[in-house]
C-alpha atoms as a PDB file:
ATOM      1  CA  UNK A   1      33.738 191.237  10.051  1.00  0.00           C
ATOM      2  CA  UNK A   2      32.700 188.915  12.832  1.00  0.00           C
ATOM      3  CA  UNK A   3      34.947 185.969  13.451  1.00  0.00           C
ATOM      4  CA  UNK A   4      33.356 182.629  14.162  1.00  0.00           C
ATOM      5  CA  UNK A   5      34.031 181.173  17.575  1.00  0.00           C
ATOM      6  CA  UNK A   6      36.247 178.100  17.380  1.00  0.00           C
ATOM      7  CA  UNK A   7      34.447 174.788  17.760  1.00  0.00           C
ATOM      8  CA  UNK A   8      34.882 173.373  21.262  1.00  0.00           C
ATOM      9  CA  UNK A   9      37.328 170.506  21.443  1.00  0.00           C
ATOM     10  CA  UNK A  10      35.886 167.093  22.180  1.00  0.00           C
ATOM     11  CA  UNK A  11      37.242 164.037  23.918  1.00  0.00           C
ATOM     12  CA  UNK A  12      36.076 160.465  23.236  1.00  0.00           C
ATOM     13  CA  UNK A  13      34.801 158.416  26.168  1.00  0.00           C
ATOM     14  CA  UNK A  14      33.884 154.743  25.919  1.00  0.00           C
ATOM     15  CA  UNK A  15      31.205 153.132  28.082  1.00  0.00           C
ATOM     16  CA  UNK A  16      31.220 149.358  27.897  1.00  0.00           C
ATOM     17  CA  UNK A  17      30.009 146.107  29.402  1.00  0.00           C
ATOM     18  CA  UNK A  18      30.809 142.457  28.776  1.00  0.00           C
ATOM     19  CA  UNK A  19      28.786 139.335  29.453  1.00  0.00           C
ATOM     20  CA  UNK A  20      30.914 136.246  29.984  1.00  0.00           C
ATOM     21  CA  UNK A  21      30.867 132.484  30.454  1.00  0.00           C
ATOM     22  CA  UNK A  22      32.115 132.830  34.034  1.00  0.00           C
ATOM     23  CA  UNK A  23      33.957 135.003  36.506  1.00  0.00           C
ATOM     24  CA  UNK A  24      37.480 133.827  35.736  1.00  0.00           C
ATOM     25  CA  UNK A  25      39.727 136.040  33.640  1.00  0.00           C
ATOM     26  CA  UNK A  26      40.051 133.124  31.232  1.00  0.00           C
ATOM     27  CA  UNK A  27      36.289 132.854  30.710  1.00  0.00           C
ATOM     28  CA  UNK A  28      34.993 133.576  27.233  1.00  0.00           C
ATOM     29  CA  UNK A  29      33.383 136.902  26.413  1.00  0.00           C
ATOM     30  CA  UNK A  30      29.936 136.083  25.024  1.00  0.00           C
ATOM     31  CA  UNK A  31      28.866 139.631  24.265  1.00  0.00           C
ATOM     32  CA  UNK A  32      30.236 143.138  24.440  1.00  0.00           C
ATOM     33  CA  UNK A  33      28.662 146.534  23.906  1.00  0.00           C
ATOM     34  CA  UNK A  34      30.466 149.856  23.825  1.00  0.00           C
ATOM     35  CA  UNK A  35      29.082 153.352  23.437  1.00  0.00           C
ATOM     36  CA  UNK A  36      31.642 155.821  22.130  1.00  0.00           C
ATOM     37  CA  UNK A  37      30.513 159.289  23.177  1.00  0.00           C
ATOM     38  CA  UNK A  38      32.143 162.700  22.899  1.00  0.00           C
ATOM     39  CA  UNK A  39      32.775 164.904  25.935  1.00  0.00           C
ATOM     40  CA  UNK A  40      32.460 168.531  24.887  1.00  0.00           C
ATOM     41  CA  UNK A  41      33.461 170.075  28.202  1.00  0.00           C
ATOM     42  CA  UNK A  42      29.935 169.929  29.610  1.00  0.00           C
ATOM     43  CA  UNK A  43      28.223 166.683  28.611  1.00  0.00           C
ATOM     44  CA  UNK A  44      28.663 163.409  26.748  1.00  0.00           C
ATOM     45  CA  UNK A  45      25.379 163.692  24.863  1.00  0.00           C
ATOM     46  CA  UNK A  46      26.892 163.140  21.418  1.00  0.00           C
ATOM     47  CA  UNK A  47      27.165 159.432  20.622  1.00  0.00           C
ATOM     48  CA  UNK A  48      29.671 158.764  17.863  1.00  0.00           C
ATOM     49  CA  UNK A  49      29.342 154.995  17.615  1.00  0.00           C
ATOM     50  CA  UNK A  50      27.647 151.994  19.233  1.00  0.00           C
ATOM     51  CA  UNK A  51      29.503 148.688  19.059  1.00  0.00           C
ATOM     52  CA  UNK A  52      27.639 145.465  19.895  1.00  0.00           C
ATOM     53  CA  UNK A  53      28.805 141.927  19.192  1.00  0.00           C
ATOM     54  CA  UNK A  54      28.073 138.366  20.258  1.00  0.00           C
ATOM     55  CA  UNK A  55      30.606 135.549  20.432  1.00  0.00           C
ATOM     56  CA  UNK A  56      30.717 131.809  21.005  1.00  0.00           C
ATOM     57  CA  UNK A  57      32.696 130.241  23.817  1.00  0.00           C
ATOM     58  CA  UNK A  58      36.376 129.666  23.132  1.00  0.00           C
ATOM     59  CA  UNK A  59      37.139 126.244  21.634  1.00  0.00           C
ATOM     60  CA  UNK A  60      37.241 123.587  24.334  1.00  0.00           C
ATOM     61  CA  UNK A  61      35.523 125.703  26.998  1.00  0.00           C
ATOM     62  CA  UNK A  62      32.457 124.123  28.594  1.00  0.00           C
ATOM     63  CA  UNK A  63      29.207 125.902  29.335  1.00  0.00           C
ATOM     64  CA  UNK A  64      28.960 127.604  32.709  1.00  0.00           C
ATOM     65  CA  UNK A  65      25.361 126.979  33.896  1.00  0.00           C
ATOM     66  CA  UNK A  66      25.525 129.719  36.545  1.00  0.00           C
ATOM     67  CA  UNK A  67      26.653 132.340  34.039  1.00  0.00           C
ATOM     68  CA  UNK A  68      24.087 131.272  31.459  1.00  0.00           C
ATOM     69  CA  UNK A  69      21.341 131.434  34.079  1.00  0.00           C
ATOM     70  CA  UNK A  70      22.203 135.116  34.533  1.00  0.00           C
ATOM     71  CA  UNK A  71      22.843 136.304  30.977  1.00  0.00           C
ATOM     72  CA  UNK A  72      20.885 133.705  28.994  1.00  0.00           C
ATOM     73  CA  UNK A  73      23.554 133.561  26.290  1.00  0.00           C
ATOM     74  CA  UNK A  74      23.182 130.025  25.047  1.00  0.00           C
ATOM     75  CA  UNK A  75      24.660 129.035  21.690  1.00  0.00           C
ATOM     76  CA  UNK A  76      21.213 129.362  20.122  1.00  0.00           C
ATOM     77  CA  UNK A  77      20.735 132.897  21.472  1.00  0.00           C
ATOM     78  CA  UNK A  78      24.215 133.919  20.344  1.00  0.00           C
ATOM     79  CA  UNK A  79      23.590 132.457  16.886  1.00  0.00           C
ATOM     80  CA  UNK A  80      20.328 134.387  16.600  1.00  0.00           C
ATOM     81  CA  UNK A  81      21.908 137.662  17.698  1.00  0.00           C
ATOM     82  CA  UNK A  82      24.866 137.254  15.367  1.00  0.00           C
ATOM     83  CA  UNK A  83      22.659 136.677  12.356  1.00  0.00           C
ATOM     84  CA  UNK A  84      24.819 136.871   9.233  1.00  0.00           C
ATOM     85  CA  UNK A  85      27.621 138.752  10.984  1.00  0.00           C
ATOM     86  CA  UNK A  86      31.029 138.454   9.379  1.00  0.00           C
ATOM     87  CA  UNK A  87      33.128 139.344  12.434  1.00  0.00           C
ATOM     88  CA  UNK A  88      35.135 136.786  14.420  1.00  0.00           C
ATOM     89  CA  UNK A  89      33.266 133.973  16.162  1.00  0.00           C
ATOM     90  CA  UNK A  90      35.397 134.380  19.309  1.00  0.00           C
ATOM     91  CA  UNK A  91      36.223 137.590  21.153  1.00  0.00           C
ATOM     92  CA  UNK A  92      39.882 136.624  21.583  1.00  0.00           C
ATOM     93  CA  UNK A  93      40.233 136.684  17.780  1.00  0.00           C
ATOM     94  CA  UNK A  94      38.421 139.991  17.200  1.00  0.00           C
ATOM     95  CA  UNK A  95      40.655 143.068  16.996  1.00  0.00           C
ATOM     96  CA  UNK A  96      37.818 145.453  16.145  1.00  0.00           C
ATOM     97  CA  UNK A  97      37.163 146.523  19.730  1.00  0.00           C
ATOM     98  CA  UNK A  98      40.780 147.616  20.069  1.00  0.00           C
ATOM     99  CA  UNK A  99      40.403 149.545  16.819  1.00  0.00           C
ATOM    100  CA  UNK A 100      37.324 151.285  18.240  1.00  0.00           C
ATOM    101  CA  UNK A 101      39.382 152.274  21.283  1.00  0.00           C
ATOM    102  CA  UNK A 102      42.258 153.772  19.311  1.00  0.00           C
ATOM    103  CA  UNK A 103      42.987 157.231  20.694  1.00  0.00           C
ATOM    104  CA  UNK A 104      40.591 156.808  23.639  1.00  0.00           C
ATOM    105  CA  UNK A 105      41.940 157.358  27.159  1.00  0.00           C
ATOM    106  CA  UNK A 106      38.716 157.370  29.191  1.00  0.00           C
ATOM    107  CA  UNK A 107      36.555 154.335  29.942  1.00  0.00           C
ATOM    108  CA  UNK A 108      33.432 153.969  32.076  1.00  0.00           C
ATOM    109  CA  UNK A 109      31.714 150.837  33.348  1.00  0.00           C
ATOM    110  CA  UNK A 110      29.719 149.494  36.247  1.00  0.00           C
ATOM    111  CA  UNK A 111      32.244 147.280  38.069  1.00  0.00           C
ATOM    112  CA  UNK A 112      34.761 148.109  35.367  1.00  0.00           C
ATOM    113  CA  UNK A 113      37.513 146.267  37.235  1.00  0.00           C
ATOM    114  CA  UNK A 114      35.683 143.055  36.240  1.00  0.00           C
ATOM    115  CA  UNK A 115      35.054 144.025  32.624  1.00  0.00           C
ATOM    116  CA  UNK A 116      38.527 145.362  31.917  1.00  0.00           C
ATOM    117  CA  UNK A 117      40.219 142.058  32.784  1.00  0.00           C
ATOM    118  CA  UNK A 118      38.816 140.575  29.565  1.00  0.00           C
ATOM    119  CA  UNK A 119      40.263 143.333  27.365  1.00  0.00           C
ATOM    120  CA  UNK A 120      43.621 142.463  25.837  1.00  0.00           C
ATOM    121  CA  UNK A 121      45.097 145.953  25.970  1.00  0.00           C
ATOM    122  CA  UNK A 122      45.523 148.568  28.690  1.00  0.00           C
ATOM    123  CA  UNK A 123      42.849 151.130  29.511  1.00  0.00           C
ATOM    124  CA  UNK A 124      44.403 154.397  30.625  1.00  0.00           C
ATOM    125  CA  UNK A 125      41.742 156.065  32.802  1.00  0.00           C
ATOM    126  CA  UNK A 126      38.787 154.107  34.201  1.00  0.00           C
ATOM    127  CA  UNK A 127      35.700 155.287  36.087  1.00  0.00           C
ATOM    128  CA  UNK A 128      33.531 152.800  37.972  1.00  0.00           C
ATOM    129  CA  UNK A 129      29.921 153.824  38.513  1.00  0.00           C
ATOM    130  CA  UNK A 130      29.638 151.055  41.112  1.00  0.00           C
ATOM    131  CA  UNK A 131      32.585 151.979  43.334  1.00  0.00           C
ATOM    132  CA  UNK A 132      32.087 155.718  42.936  1.00  0.00           C
ATOM    133  CA  UNK A 133      28.562 155.380  44.315  1.00  0.00           C
ATOM    134  CA  UNK A 134      29.415 153.246  47.343  1.00  0.00           C
ATOM    135  CA  UNK A 135      29.530 156.237  49.709  1.00  0.00           C
ATOM    136  CA  UNK A 136      26.826 158.112  47.803  1.00  0.00           C
ATOM    137  CA  UNK A 137      24.016 155.572  47.850  1.00  0.00           C
ATOM    138  CA  UNK A 138      25.121 154.017  51.168  1.00  0.00           C
ATOM    139  CA  UNK A 139      23.408 150.647  50.988  1.00  0.00           C
ATOM    140  CA  UNK A 140      23.915 148.654  54.207  1.00  0.00           C
ATOM    141  CA  UNK A 141      25.733 145.353  53.994  1.00  0.00           C
ATOM    142  CA  UNK A 142      24.648 142.371  56.025  1.00  0.00           C
ATOM    143  CA  UNK A 143      27.047 142.200  58.942  1.00  0.00           C
ATOM    144  CA  UNK A 144      27.887 145.899  58.859  1.00  0.00           C
ATOM    145  CA  UNK A 145      29.435 148.421  56.533  1.00  0.00           C
ATOM    146  CA  UNK A 146      28.320 149.346  53.018  1.00  0.00           C
ATOM    147  CA  UNK A 147      27.790 147.153  49.995  1.00  0.00           C
ATOM    148  CA  UNK A 148      28.530 148.048  46.401  1.00  0.00           C
ATOM    149  CA  UNK A 149      25.293 149.013  44.639  1.00  0.00           C
ATOM    150  CA  UNK A 150      24.077 146.863  41.770  1.00  0.00           C
ATOM    151  CA  UNK A 151      23.474 148.500  38.425  1.00  0.00           C
ATOM    152  CA  UNK A 152      19.721 148.426  39.014  1.00  0.00           C
ATOM    153  CA  UNK A 153      20.108 149.974  42.476  1.00  0.00           C
ATOM    154  CA  UNK A 154      22.349 152.707  41.107  1.00  0.00           C
ATOM    155  CA  UNK A 155      19.943 153.455  38.275  1.00  0.00           C
ATOM    156  CA  UNK A 156      17.005 153.681  40.692  1.00  0.00           C
ATOM    157  CA  UNK A 157      18.953 156.062  42.933  1.00  0.00           C
ATOM    158  CA  UNK A 158      19.415 158.450  40.011  1.00  0.00           C
ATOM    159  CA  UNK A 159      15.762 158.388  39.080  1.00  0.00           C
ATOM    160  CA  UNK A 160      16.062 155.923  36.211  1.00  0.00           C
ATOM    161  CA  UNK A 161      13.635 153.024  35.962  1.00  0.00           C
ATOM    162  CA  UNK A 162      15.601 149.855  35.194  1.00  0.00           C
ATOM    163  CA  UNK A 163      13.772 147.131  33.295  1.00  0.00           C
ATOM    164  CA  UNK A 164      14.656 143.966  35.191  1.00  0.00           C
ATOM    165  CA  UNK A 165      14.065 141.655  32.244  1.00  0.00           C
ATOM    166  CA  UNK A 166      16.731 143.503  30.227  1.00  0.00           C
ATOM    167  CA  UNK A 167      19.429 143.583  32.895  1.00  0.00           C
ATOM    168  CA  UNK A 168      22.535 141.425  32.340  1.00  0.00           C
ATOM    169  CA  UNK A 169      22.438 142.118  28.633  1.00  0.00           C
ATOM    170  CA  UNK A 170      25.501 144.038  27.470  1.00  0.00           C
ATOM    171  CA  UNK A 171      23.481 146.438  25.297  1.00  0.00           C
ATOM    172  CA  UNK A 172      21.048 147.411  28.032  1.00  0.00           C
ATOM    173  CA  UNK A 173      23.624 147.516  30.826  1.00  0.00           C
ATOM    174  CA  UNK A 174      25.924 149.765  28.798  1.00  0.00           C
ATOM    175  CA  UNK A 175      23.115 152.167  27.984  1.00  0.00           C
ATOM    176  CA  UNK A 176      22.067 152.257  31.640  1.00  0.00           C
ATOM    177  CA  UNK A 177      25.653 152.934  32.746  1.00  0.00           C
ATOM    178  CA  UNK A 178      25.851 155.764  30.222  1.00  0.00           C
ATOM    179  CA  UNK A 179      22.656 157.331  31.567  1.00  0.00           C
ATOM    180  CA  UNK A 180      23.852 156.972  35.182  1.00  0.00           C
ATOM    181  CA  UNK A 181      27.125 158.694  34.324  1.00  0.00           C
ATOM    182  CA  UNK A 182      25.258 161.595  32.719  1.00  0.00           C
ATOM    183  CA  UNK A 183      23.185 161.978  35.877  1.00  0.00           C
ATOM    184  CA  UNK A 184      26.380 161.959  37.932  1.00  0.00           C
ATOM    185  CA  UNK A 185      27.779 164.800  35.812  1.00  0.00           C
ATOM    186  CA  UNK A 186      25.194 167.124  37.369  1.00  0.00           C
ATOM    187  CA  UNK A 187      24.997 165.737  40.912  1.00  0.00           C
ATOM    188  CA  UNK A 188      26.230 167.961  43.734  1.00  0.00           C
ATOM    189  CA  UNK A 189      28.241 165.136  45.284  1.00  0.00           C
ATOM    190  CA  UNK A 190      29.383 163.449  42.100  1.00  0.00           C
ATOM    191  CA  UNK A 191      30.017 166.278  39.629  1.00  0.00           C
ATOM    192  CA  UNK A 192      33.512 167.197  40.905  1.00  0.00           C
ATOM    193  CA  UNK A 193      34.720 163.601  40.763  1.00  0.00           C
ATOM    194  CA  UNK A 194      33.265 162.981  37.304  1.00  0.00           C
ATOM    195  CA  UNK A 195      34.777 166.128  35.834  1.00  0.00           C
ATOM    196  CA  UNK A 196      38.134 165.435  37.455  1.00  0.00           C
ATOM    197  CA  UNK A 197      38.126 162.071  35.690  1.00  0.00           C
ATOM    198  CA  UNK A 198      37.118 163.536  32.344  1.00  0.00           C
ATOM    199  CA  UNK A 199      39.838 166.182  32.433  1.00  0.00           C
ATOM    200  CA  UNK A 200      42.666 163.719  33.001  1.00  0.00           C
ATOM    201  CA  UNK A 201      45.163 163.683  30.154  1.00  0.00           C
END
C-alpha cells in the first residue's frame, strides 16, 4: 500500500500598501490593500485573500492637496469606491485588518517602513522591496551615491510593465509589489535574501 506524501506546510505572507492624506504618522489612511498569499517553500503563488478598503479622513482632519494630487482620493472618489460597504468609515476604527493579520509573521511592501507606521499593531518580520533593491538596481542619485528605486522603476527592472495611470492606488501598487517579490524569489542576487526572510520564525 502506497502512503500519500504529506502536504507541504504553508506560511502566510501579507503584501500591503496604504494611501494616506499626508506623510505624517497621524495622517489618515484613505485606502489599504493587502494580498494574503501562502508560501509553500518555493513560491507564493497561492493567494488566500485580497483585502481592499477605502476610508474617509479622520474627523477634524483637513484635506492635504499634495497627497490628493498624488493618489486622487477625494471624498467623492472614496464614496464611489466604498459603494454600500458596511465596514468602518475611518481606518482607525476598523479592526478587520488586524484580524486578517492574525497568525501572520511576514509582511512585504515597497517602502514598508512608511506603510507600517499607520498600522496599530506590531509587524514581526518586514521585507522592503525598495530598500532591498537599492544595491541591485543601482540608480544614481543627484549629488552622488544611490537613490531608492520607485515602485515603477523596480517593476521595470524586473521586466514588468507598470501602468503609470494606475500607480499610487493601493490595489495596483500592492499587486505590483507582489509580482516584484515573486521575481526576486528567482533572481540570482535576490533569491538568498528573500528566502532567508521567508524562513524566519
